[in-house]
Amino acid sequence: GNPSKTEMIFDAFHDRPQANQLHVSSTRCGNIPGTHKVFFDGTADT
């Protein structure tokens, strides 16, 4: 949907992310069957 994102990053960032990088983060805990979120974050709202 957004061709400006061309690279998935799974690890922690140690520098500022580049504009083309999409952060795909994960948590493993307890008995969670599965939760997935997508955040669109702007200057005024999320």
All heavy atoms as atom14 arrays in JSON, in Angstrom:
{
  "sequence": "GNPSKTEMIFDAFHDRPQANQLHVSSTRCGNIPGTHKVFFDGTADT",
  "atom14_mask": [
    [1, 1, 1, 1, 0, 0, 0, 0, 0, 0, 0, 0, 0, 0],
    [1, 1, 1, 1, 1, 1, 1, 1, 0, 0, 0, 0, 0, 0],
    [1, 1, 1, 1, 1, 1, 1, 0, 0, 0, 0, 0, 0, 0],
    [1, 1, 1, 1, 1, 1, 0, 0, 0, 0, 0, 0, 0, 0],
    [1, 1, 1, 1, 1, 1, 1, 1, 1, 0, 0, 0, 0, 0],
    [1, 1, 1, 1, 1, 1, 1, 0, 0, 0, 0, 0, 0, 0],
    [1, 1, 1, 1, 1, 1, 1, 1, 1, 0, 0, 0, 0, 0],
    [1, 1, 1, 1, 1, 1, 1, 1, 0, 0, 0, 0, 0, 0],
    [1, 1, 1, 1, 1, 1, 1, 1, 0, 0, 0, 0, 0, 0],
    [1, 1, 1, 1, 1, 1, 1, 1, 1, 1, 1, 0, 0, 0],
    [1, 1, 1, 1, 1, 1, 1, 1, 0, 0, 0, 0, 0, 0],
    [1, 1, 1, 1, 1, 0, 0, 0, 0, 0, 0, 0, 0, 0],
    [1, 1, 1, 1, 1, 1, 1, 1, 1, 1, 1, 0, 0, 0],
    [1, 1, 1, 1, 1, 1, 1, 1, 1, 1, 0, 0, 0, 0],
    [1, 1, 1, 1, 1, 1, 1, 1, 0, 0, 0, 0, 0, 0],
    [1, 1, 1, 1, 1, 1, 1, 1, 1, 1, 1, 0, 0, 0],
    [1, 1, 1, 1, 1, 1, 1, 0, 0, 0, 0, 0, 0, 0],
    [1, 1, 1, 1, 1, 1, 1, 1, 1, 0, 0, 0, 0, 0],
    [1, 1, 1, 1, 1, 0, 0, 0, 0, 0, 0, 0, 0, 0],
    [1, 1, 1, 1, 1, 1, 1, 1, 0, 0, 0, 0, 0, 0],
    [1, 1, 1, 1, 1, 1, 1, 1, 1, 0, 0, 0, 0, 0],
    [1, 1, 1, 1, 1, 1, 1, 1, 0, 0, 0, 0, 0, 0],
    [1, 1, 1, 1, 1, 1, 1, 1, 1, 1, 0, 0, 0, 0],
    [1, 1, 1, 1, 1, 1, 1, 0, 0, 0, 0, 0, 0, 0],
    [1, 1, 1, 1, 1, 1, 0, 0, 0, 0, 0, 0, 0, 0],
    [1, 1, 1, 1, 1, 1, 0, 0, 0, 0, 0, 0, 0, 0],
    [1, 1, 1, 1, 1, 1, 1, 0, 0, 0, 0, 0, 0, 0],
    [1, 1, 1, 1, 1, 1, 1, 1, 1, 1, 1, 0, 0, 0],
    [1, 1, 1, 1, 1, 1, 0, 0, 0, 0, 0, 0, 0, 0],
    [1, 1, 1, 1, 0, 0, 0, 0, 0, 0, 0, 0, 0, 0],
    [1, 1, 1, 1, 1, 1, 1, 1, 0, 0, 0, 0, 0, 0],
    [1, 1, 1, 1, 1, 1, 1, 1, 0, 0, 0, 0, 0, 0],
    [1, 1, 1, 1, 1, 1, 1, 0, 0, 0, 0, 0, 0, 0],
    [1, 1, 1, 1, 0, 0, 0, 0, 0, 0, 0, 0, 0, 0],
    [1, 1, 1, 1, 1, 1, 1, 0, 0, 0, 0, 0, 0, 0],
    [1, 1, 1, 1, 1, 1, 1, 1, 1, 1, 0, 0, 0, 0],
    [1, 1, 1, 1, 1, 1, 1, 1, 1, 0, 0, 0, 0, 0],
    [1, 1, 1, 1, 1, 1, 1, 0, 0, 0, 0, 0, 0, 0],
    [1, 1, 1, 1, 1, 1, 1, 1, 1, 1, 1, 0, 0, 0],
    [1, 1, 1, 1, 1, 1, 1, 1, 1, 1, 1, 0, 0, 0],
    [1, 1, 1, 1, 1, 1, 1, 1, 0, 0, 0, 0, 0, 0],
    [1, 1, 1, 1, 0, 0, 0, 0, 0, 0, 0, 0, 0, 0],
    [1, 1, 1, 1, 1, 1, 1, 0, 0, 0, 0, 0, 0, 0],
    [1, 1, 1, 1, 1, 0, 0, 0, 0, 0, 0, 0, 0, 0],
    [1, 1, 1, 1, 1, 1, 1, 1, 0, 0, 0, 0, 0, 0],
    [1, 1, 1, 1, 1, 1, 1, 0, 0, 0, 0, 0, 0, 0]
  ],
  "atom14_positions": [
    [[0.8, -1.22, 0.0], [0.0, 0.0, 0.0], [0.83, 1.26, 0.0], [0.41, 2.31, -0.52], [0.0, 0.0, 0.0], [0.0, 0.0, 0.0], [0.0, 0.0, 0.0], [0.0, 0.0, 0.0], [0.0, 0.0, 0.0], [0.0, 0.0, 0.0], [0.0, 0.0, 0.0], [0.0, 0.0, 0.0], [0.0, 0.0, 0.0], [0.0, 0.0, 0.0]],
    [[2.02, 1.19, 0.6], [2.88, 2.36, 0.73], [4.26, 2.02, 0.15], [5.14, 1.55, 0.86], [3.01, 2.77, 2.2], [3.8, 4.04, 2.38], [4.46, 4.5, 1.46], [3.73, 4.63, 3.57], [0.0, 0.0, 0.0], [0.0, 0.0, 0.0], [0.0, 0.0, 0.0], [0.0, 0.0, 0.0], [0.0, 0.0, 0.0], [0.0, 0.0, 0.0]],
    [[4.46, 2.28, -1.13], [5.73, 1.91, -1.79], [6.95, 2.62, -1.24], [8.08, 2.21, -1.55], [5.48, 2.3, -3.26], [4.0, 2.38, -3.41], [3.5, 2.84, -2.08], [0.0, 0.0, 0.0], [0.0, 0.0, 0.0], [0.0, 0.0, 0.0], [0.0, 0.0, 0.0], [0.0, 0.0, 0.0], [0.0, 0.0, 0.0], [0.0, 0.0, 0.0]],
    [[6.77, 3.66, -0.42], [7.93, 4.35, 0.15], [8.62, 3.49, 1.2], [9.79, 3.73, 1.54], [7.52, 5.69, 0.76], [6.76, 5.5, 1.94], [0.0, 0.0, 0.0], [0.0, 0.0, 0.0], [0.0, 0.0, 0.0], [0.0, 0.0, 0.0], [0.0, 0.0, 0.0], [0.0, 0.0, 0.0], [0.0, 0.0, 0.0], [0.0, 0.0, 0.0]],
    [[7.91, 2.49, 1.74], [8.5, 1.54, 2.68], [9.05, 0.36, 1.9], [8.3, -0.4, 1.29], [7.47, 1.08, 3.71], [6.96, 2.18, 4.63], [8.05, 2.72, 5.53], [7.51, 3.74, 6.52], [8.58, 4.3, 7.38], [0.0, 0.0, 0.0], [0.0, 0.0, 0.0], [0.0, 0.0, 0.0], [0.0, 0.0, 0.0], [0.0, 0.0, 0.0]],
    [[10.36, 0.22, 1.91], [11.0, -0.8, 1.07], [11.82, -1.82, 1.85], [12.32, -2.78, 1.28], [11.92, -0.13, 0.05], [12.93, 0.63, 0.75], [11.14, 0.8, -0.88], [0.0, 0.0, 0.0], [0.0, 0.0, 0.0], [0.0, 0.0, 0.0], [0.0, 0.0, 0.0], [0.0, 0.0, 0.0], [0.0, 0.0, 0.0], [0.0, 0.0, 0.0]],
    [[11.95, -1.62, 3.18], [12.8, -2.52, 3.97], [12.15, -2.79, 5.33], [11.77, -1.87, 6.04], [14.18, -1.88, 4.19], [15.14, -2.76, 4.99], [16.45, -2.06, 5.29], [16.59, -0.86, 4.98], [17.35, -2.72, 5.88], [0.0, 0.0, 0.0], [0.0, 0.0, 0.0], [0.0, 0.0, 0.0], [0.0, 0.0, 0.0], [0.0, 0.0, 0.0]],
    [[12.04, -4.07, 5.67], [11.54, -4.44, 6.99], [12.71, -4.53, 7.98], [13.74, -5.11, 7.66], [10.83, -5.79, 6.95], [9.62, -5.87, 6.06], [8.88, -7.53, 6.12], [7.89, -7.5, 4.63], [0.0, 0.0, 0.0], [0.0, 0.0, 0.0], [0.0, 0.0, 0.0], [0.0, 0.0, 0.0], [0.0, 0.0, 0.0], [0.0, 0.0, 0.0]],
    [[12.52, -3.98, 9.17], [13.53, -4.05, 10.22], [12.91, -4.8, 11.41], [11.88, -4.4, 11.93], [13.99, -2.65, 10.67], [14.59, -1.89, 9.5], [15.0, -2.77, 11.82], [15.85, -2.5, 8.94], [0.0, 0.0, 0.0], [0.0, 0.0, 0.0], [0.0, 0.0, 0.0], [0.0, 0.0, 0.0], [0.0, 0.0, 0.0], [0.0, 0.0, 0.0]],
    [[13.56, -5.9, 11.83], [13.04, -6.71, 12.92], [13.78, -6.48, 14.23], [13.26, -6.78, 15.3], [13.12, -8.2, 12.55], [12.51, -8.51, 11.21], [13.28, -9.03, 10.18], [11.16, -8.27, 10.97], [12.72, -9.32, 8.94], [10.59, -8.56, 9.74], [11.38, -9.07, 8.72], [0.0, 0.0, 0.0], [0.0, 0.0, 0.0], [0.0, 0.0, 0.0]],
    [[14.99, -5.98, 14.17], [15.81, -5.77, 15.36], [15.59, -4.37, 15.94], [14.93, -3.52, 15.34], [17.29, -5.94, 15.02], [17.6, -7.35, 14.56], [16.94, -8.29, 15.07], [18.47, -7.51, 13.69], [0.0, 0.0, 0.0], [0.0, 0.0, 0.0], [0.0, 0.0, 0.0], [0.0, 0.0, 0.0], [0.0, 0.0, 0.0], [0.0, 0.0, 0.0]],
    [[16.18, -4.15, 17.1], [16.12, -2.82, 17.72], [16.93, -1.83, 16.89], [17.93, -2.18, 16.27], [16.68, -2.88, 19.13], [0.0, 0.0, 0.0], [0.0, 0.0, 0.0], [0.0, 0.0, 0.0], [0.0, 0.0, 0.0], [0.0, 0.0, 0.0], [0.0, 0.0, 0.0], [0.0, 0.0, 0.0], [0.0, 0.0, 0.0], [0.0, 0.0, 0.0]],
    [[16.48, -0.58, 16.86], [17.24, 0.47, 16.2], [18.3, 1.01, 17.15], [18.05, 1.23, 18.33], [16.31, 1.62, 15.8], [15.48, 1.35, 14.58], [14.13, 1.07, 14.69], [16.06, 1.37, 13.32], [13.36, 0.82, 13.57], [15.29, 1.12, 12.19], [13.94, 0.85, 12.3], [0.0, 0.0, 0.0], [0.0, 0.0, 0.0], [0.0, 0.0, 0.0]],
    [[19.5, 1.25, 16.62], [20.57, 1.89, 17.38], [20.93, 3.25, 16.78], [21.78, 3.96, 17.29], [21.79, 0.97, 17.44], [21.48, -0.35, 18.08], [21.21, -0.48, 19.43], [21.34, -1.59, 17.55], [20.96, -1.75, 19.71], [21.02, -2.45, 18.59], [0.0, 0.0, 0.0], [0.0, 0.0, 0.0], [0.0, 0.0, 0.0], [0.0, 0.0, 0.0]],
    [[20.28, 3.57, 15.68], [20.34, 4.89, 15.06], [18.92, 5.26, 14.65], [18.01, 4.44, 14.71], [21.26, 4.87, 13.83], [22.71, 4.6, 14.19], [23.27, 5.42, 14.93], [23.25, 3.56, 13.76], [0.0, 0.0, 0.0], [0.0, 0.0, 0.0], [0.0, 0.0, 0.0], [0.0, 0.0, 0.0], [0.0, 0.0, 0.0], [0.0, 0.0, 0.0]],
    [[18.76, 6.49, 14.21], [17.44, 6.9, 13.76], [17.02, 6.06, 12.56], [17.82, 5.82, 11.64], [17.47, 8.38, 13.35], [17.65, 9.34, 14.51], [17.74, 10.77, 14.0], [16.53, 11.14, 13.27], [16.37, 12.31, 12.66], [17.36, 13.22, 12.69], [15.26, 12.6, 12.02], [0.0, 0.0, 0.0], [0.0, 0.0, 0.0], [0.0, 0.0, 0.0]],
    [[15.77, 5.57, 12.52], [15.32, 4.79, 11.36], [15.28, 5.66, 10.11], [15.01, 6.85, 10.17], [13.92, 4.33, 11.76], [13.48, 5.28, 12.82], [14.71, 5.7, 13.55], [0.0, 0.0, 0.0], [0.0, 0.0, 0.0], [0.0, 0.0, 0.0], [0.0, 0.0, 0.0], [0.0, 0.0, 0.0], [0.0, 0.0, 0.0], [0.0, 0.0, 0.0]],
    [[15.56, 5.02, 8.99], [15.46, 5.7, 7.71], [13.99, 5.72, 7.26], [13.18, 4.88, 7.66], [16.31, 4.99, 6.66], [17.79, 4.92, 7.02], [18.4, 6.29, 7.17], [18.3, 7.13, 6.28], [19.03, 6.53, 8.31], [0.0, 0.0, 0.0], [0.0, 0.0, 0.0], [0.0, 0.0, 0.0], [0.0, 0.0, 0.0], [0.0, 0.0, 0.0]],
    [[13.65, 6.67, 6.42], [12.26, 6.86, 6.0], [11.7, 5.64, 5.28], [10.5, 5.38, 5.32], [12.15, 8.1, 5.11], [0.0, 0.0, 0.0], [0.0, 0.0, 0.0], [0.0, 0.0, 0.0], [0.0, 0.0, 0.0], [0.0, 0.0, 0.0], [0.0, 0.0, 0.0], [0.0, 0.0, 0.0], [0.0, 0.0, 0.0], [0.0, 0.0, 0.0]],
    [[12.58, 4.87, 4.64], [12.1, 3.71, 3.87], [11.95, 2.46, 4.73], [11.48, 1.43, 4.25], [13.07, 3.4, 2.73], [14.4, 2.86, 3.24], [15.03, 3.46, 4.1], [14.81, 1.72, 2.71], [0.0, 0.0, 0.0], [0.0, 0.0, 0.0], [0.0, 0.0, 0.0], [0.0, 0.0, 0.0], [0.0, 0.0, 0.0], [0.0, 0.0, 0.0]],
    [[12.34, 2.52, 6.01], [12.34, 1.34, 6.87], [11.02, 1.18, 7.62], [10.49, 2.14, 8.18], [13.49, 1.42, 7.86], [14.86, 1.33, 7.19], [16.0, 1.48, 8.15], [15.92, 2.25, 9.12], [17.1, 0.78, 7.91], [0.0, 0.0, 0.0], [0.0, 0.0, 0.0], [0.0, 0.0, 0.0], [0.0, 0.0, 0.0], [0.0, 0.0, 0.0]],
    [[10.5, -0.04, 7.61], [9.28, -0.38, 8.34], [9.66, -1.24, 9.53], [10.2, -2.34, 9.36], [8.32, -1.15, 7.42], [7.04, -1.69, 8.08], [6.14, -0.54, 8.53], [6.3, -2.61, 7.12], [0.0, 0.0, 0.0], [0.0, 0.0, 0.0], [0.0, 0.0, 0.0], [0.0, 0.0, 0.0], [0.0, 0.0, 0.0], [0.0, 0.0, 0.0]],
    [[9.39, -0.74, 10.74], [9.73, -1.51, 11.93], [8.65, -2.55, 12.21], [7.47, -2.22, 12.35], [9.88, -0.58, 13.14], [10.68, -1.19, 14.25], [10.69, -0.71, 15.53], [11.51, -2.28, 14.26], [11.49, -1.45, 16.28], [11.98, -2.41, 15.53], [0.0, 0.0, 0.0], [0.0, 0.0, 0.0], [0.0, 0.0, 0.0], [0.0, 0.0, 0.0]],
    [[9.07, -3.81, 12.29], [8.17, -4.94, 12.55], [8.64, -5.57, 13.86], [9.6, -6.33, 13.89], [8.23, -5.97, 11.4], [7.28, -7.12, 11.65], [7.93, -5.3, 10.06], [0.0, 0.0, 0.0], [0.0, 0.0, 0.0], [0.0, 0.0, 0.0], [0.0, 0.0, 0.0], [0.0, 0.0, 0.0], [0.0, 0.0, 0.0], [0.0, 0.0, 0.0]],
    [[7.99, -5.23, 14.96], [8.47, -5.67, 16.27], [7.59, -6.78, 16.85], [6.42, -6.91, 16.49], [8.54, -4.5, 17.25], [7.3, -3.85, 17.35], [0.0, 0.0, 0.0], [0.0, 0.0, 0.0], [0.0, 0.0, 0.0], [0.0, 0.0, 0.0], [0.0, 0.0, 0.0], [0.0, 0.0, 0.0], [0.0, 0.0, 0.0], [0.0, 0.0, 0.0]],
    [[8.18, -7.57, 17.75], [7.52, -8.76, 18.29], [7.71, -8.87, 19.8], [8.73, -8.45, 20.34], [8.09, -10.03, 17.65], [7.97, -10.01, 16.25], [0.0, 0.0, 0.0], [0.0, 0.0, 0.0], [0.0, 0.0, 0.0], [0.0, 0.0, 0.0], [0.0, 0.0, 0.0], [0.0, 0.0, 0.0], [0.0, 0.0, 0.0], [0.0, 0.0, 0.0]],
    [[6.71, -9.46, 20.45], [6.77, -9.78, 21.87], [6.31, -11.22, 22.07], [5.36, -11.66, 21.43], [5.86, -8.84, 22.69], [6.31, -7.5, 22.55], [5.84, -9.22, 24.16], [0.0, 0.0, 0.0], [0.0, 0.0, 0.0], [0.0, 0.0, 0.0], [0.0, 0.0, 0.0], [0.0, 0.0, 0.0], [0.0, 0.0, 0.0], [0.0, 0.0, 0.0]],
    [[7.0, -11.96, 22.95], [6.58, -13.32, 23.31], [6.37, -13.36, 24.81], [7.29, -13.07, 25.59], [7.66, -14.34, 22.9], [7.87, -14.41, 21.38], [6.67, -15.03, 20.69], [6.8, -15.01, 19.24], [6.29, -14.08, 18.45], [5.62, -13.06, 19.0], [6.4, -14.15, 17.15], [0.0, 0.0, 0.0], [0.0, 0.0, 0.0], [0.0, 0.0, 0.0]],
    [[5.14, -13.73, 25.22], [4.81, -13.67, 26.66], [3.6, -14.54, 26.96], [2.6, -14.51, 26.23], [4.52, -12.22, 27.06], [4.13, -11.99, 28.81], [0.0, 0.0, 0.0], [0.0, 0.0, 0.0], [0.0, 0.0, 0.0], [0.0, 0.0, 0.0], [0.0, 0.0, 0.0], [0.0, 0.0, 0.0], [0.0, 0.0, 0.0], [0.0, 0.0, 0.0]],
    [[3.69, -15.32, 28.02], [2.53, -16.02, 28.56], [1.78, -16.87, 27.56], [2.36, -17.68, 26.85], [0.0, 0.0, 0.0], [0.0, 0.0, 0.0], [0.0, 0.0, 0.0], [0.0, 0.0, 0.0], [0.0, 0.0, 0.0], [0.0, 0.0, 0.0], [0.0, 0.0, 0.0], [0.0, 0.0, 0.0], [0.0, 0.0, 0.0], [0.0, 0.0, 0.0]],
    [[0.46, -16.68, 27.49], [-0.42, -17.53, 26.69], [-1.17, -16.76, 25.61], [-2.22, -17.21, 25.15], [-1.44, -18.21, 27.62], [-0.76, -19.07, 28.67], [-0.18, -20.1, 28.36], [-0.81, -18.64, 29.93], [0.0, 0.0, 0.0], [0.0, 0.0, 0.0], [0.0, 0.0, 0.0], [0.0, 0.0, 0.0], [0.0, 0.0, 0.0], [0.0, 0.0, 0.0]],
    [[-0.65, -15.63, 25.18], [-1.34, -14.78, 24.2], [-1.56, -15.56, 22.9], [-0.6, -15.99, 22.25], [-0.5, -13.52, 23.9], [-0.2, -12.75, 25.18], [-1.22, -12.62, 22.9], [0.87, -11.69, 25.03], [0.0, 0.0, 0.0], [0.0, 0.0, 0.0], [0.0, 0.0, 0.0], [0.0, 0.0, 0.0], [0.0, 0.0, 0.0], [0.0, 0.0, 0.0]],
    [[-2.82, -15.75, 22.45], [-3.06, -16.48, 21.2], [-2.5, -15.74, 19.99], [-2.04, -16.34, 19.04], [-4.59, -16.58, 21.13], [-5.07, -16.37, 22.52], [-4.09, -15.42, 23.16], [0.0, 0.0, 0.0], [0.0, 0.0, 0.0], [0.0, 0.0, 0.0], [0.0, 0.0, 0.0], [0.0, 0.0, 0.0], [0.0, 0.0, 0.0], [0.0, 0.0, 0.0]],
    [[-2.58, -14.4, 20.02], [-2.06, -13.61, 18.9], [-2.71, -12.24, 18.83], [-3.94, -12.14, 18.74], [0.0, 0.0, 0.0], [0.0, 0.0, 0.0], [0.0, 0.0, 0.0], [0.0, 0.0, 0.0], [0.0, 0.0, 0.0], [0.0, 0.0, 0.0], [0.0, 0.0, 0.0], [0.0, 0.0, 0.0], [0.0, 0.0, 0.0], [0.0, 0.0, 0.0]],
    [[-1.9, -11.19, 18.89], [-2.38, -9.83, 18.72], [-1.48, -9.13, 17.71], [-0.25, -9.22, 17.8], [-2.35, -9.04, 20.05], [-3.21, -9.69, 20.99], [-2.81, -7.6, 19.85], [0.0, 0.0, 0.0], [0.0, 0.0, 0.0], [0.0, 0.0, 0.0], [0.0, 0.0, 0.0], [0.0, 0.0, 0.0], [0.0, 0.0, 0.0], [0.0, 0.0, 0.0]],
    [[-2.1, -8.47, 16.74], [-1.34, -7.74, 15.72], [-1.86, -6.31, 15.61], [-3.08, -6.1, 15.57], [-1.46, -8.44, 14.37], [-0.78, -9.78, 14.33], [-1.42, -10.93, 14.74], [0.47, -10.15, 13.97], [-0.58, -11.95, 14.63], [0.57, -11.51, 14.16], [0.0, 0.0, 0.0], [0.0, 0.0, 0.0], [0.0, 0.0, 0.0], [0.0, 0.0, 0.0]],
    [[-0.95, -5.36, 15.6], [-1.31, -3.95, 15.5], [-0.54, -3.28, 14.37], [0.62, -3.62, 14.1], [-1.0, -3.21, 16.81], [-1.92, -3.55, 17.97], [-1.53, -2.75, 19.22], [-2.47, -3.05, 20.37], [-3.79, -2.38, 20.2], [0.0, 0.0, 0.0], [0.0, 0.0, 0.0], [0.0, 0.0, 0.0], [0.0, 0.0, 0.0], [0.0, 0.0, 0.0]],
    [[-1.19, -2.32, 13.74], [-0.54, -1.44, 12.78], [-0.79, -0.01, 13.25], [-1.93, 0.37, 13.53], [-1.09, -1.63, 11.35], [-0.39, -0.7, 10.37], [-0.94, -3.08, 10.91], [0.0, 0.0, 0.0], [0.0, 0.0, 0.0], [0.0, 0.0, 0.0], [0.0, 0.0, 0.0], [0.0, 0.0, 0.0], [0.0, 0.0, 0.0], [0.0, 0.0, 0.0]],
    [[0.29, 0.75, 13.38], [0.21, 2.13, 13.85], [0.49, 3.08, 12.69], [1.53, 2.97, 12.02], [1.26, 2.41, 14.93], [1.21, 1.48, 16.11], [1.94, 0.3, 16.11], [0.43, 1.79, 17.22], [1.9, -0.56, 17.19], [0.39, 0.93, 18.31], [1.12, -0.25, 18.29], [0.0, 0.0, 0.0], [0.0, 0.0, 0.0], [0.0, 0.0, 0.0]],
    [[-0.41, 4.02, 12.44], [-0.16, 5.13, 11.53], [-0.07, 6.36, 12.41], [-1.09, 6.82, 12.96], [-1.3, 5.26, 10.52], [-1.45, 4.06, 9.61], [-2.37, 3.06, 9.92], [-0.69, 3.94, 8.46], [-2.52, 1.96, 9.09], [-0.83, 2.83, 7.63], [-1.75, 1.84, 7.94], [0.0, 0.0, 0.0], [0.0, 0.0, 0.0], [0.0, 0.0, 0.0]],
    [[1.14, 6.87, 12.58], [1.35, 7.96, 13.53], [1.67, 9.27, 12.81], [2.64, 9.35, 12.04], [2.49, 7.61, 14.49], [2.56, 8.61, 15.63], [1.69, 8.54, 16.52], [3.48, 9.45, 15.62], [0.0, 0.0, 0.0], [0.0, 0.0, 0.0], [0.0, 0.0, 0.0], [0.0, 0.0, 0.0], [0.0, 0.0, 0.0], [0.0, 0.0, 0.0]],
    [[0.86, 10.29, 13.09], [1.06, 11.6, 12.5], [1.44, 12.64, 13.55], [1.6, 12.32, 14.72], [0.0, 0.0, 0.0], [0.0, 0.0, 0.0], [0.0, 0.0, 0.0], [0.0, 0.0, 0.0], [0.0, 0.0, 0.0], [0.0, 0.0, 0.0], [0.0, 0.0, 0.0], [0.0, 0.0, 0.0], [0.0, 0.0, 0.0], [0.0, 0.0, 0.0]],
    [[1.57, 13.86, 13.12], [1.95, 14.93, 14.04], [0.82, 15.27, 15.01], [1.08, 15.71, 16.13], [2.34, 16.19, 13.26], [1.27, 16.54, 12.37], [3.6, 15.95, 12.43], [0.0, 0.0, 0.0], [0.0, 0.0, 0.0], [0.0, 0.0, 0.0], [0.0, 0.0, 0.0], [0.0, 0.0, 0.0], [0.0, 0.0, 0.0], [0.0, 0.0, 0.0]],
    [[-0.41, 15.04, 14.61], [-1.55, 15.45, 15.44], [-2.31, 14.28, 16.06], [-3.02, 14.47, 17.05], [-2.52, 16.29, 14.61], [0.0, 0.0, 0.0], [0.0, 0.0, 0.0], [0.0, 0.0, 0.0], [0.0, 0.0, 0.0], [0.0, 0.0, 0.0], [0.0, 0.0, 0.0], [0.0, 0.0, 0.0], [0.0, 0.0, 0.0], [0.0, 0.0, 0.0]],
    [[-2.13, 13.07, 15.51], [-2.91, 11.94, 16.03], [-2.3, 10.62, 15.59], [-1.35, 10.59, 14.8], [-4.37, 12.03, 15.59], [-4.54, 12.18, 14.09], [-3.57, 11.91, 13.34], [-5.63, 12.57, 13.64], [0.0, 0.0, 0.0], [0.0, 0.0, 0.0], [0.0, 0.0, 0.0], [0.0, 0.0, 0.0], [0.0, 0.0, 0.0], [0.0, 0.0, 0.0]],
    [[-2.85, 9.55, 16.13], [-2.43, 8.19, 15.78], [-3.65, 7.36, 15.42], [-4.68, 7.41, 16.1], [-1.7, 7.51, 16.96], [-0.55, 8.27, 17.29], [-1.27, 6.1, 16.59], [0.0, 0.0, 0.0], [0.0, 0.0, 0.0], [0.0, 0.0, 0.0], [0.0, 0.0, 0.0], [0.0, 0.0, 0.0], [0.0, 0.0, 0.0], [0.0, 0.0, 0.0]]
  ]
}
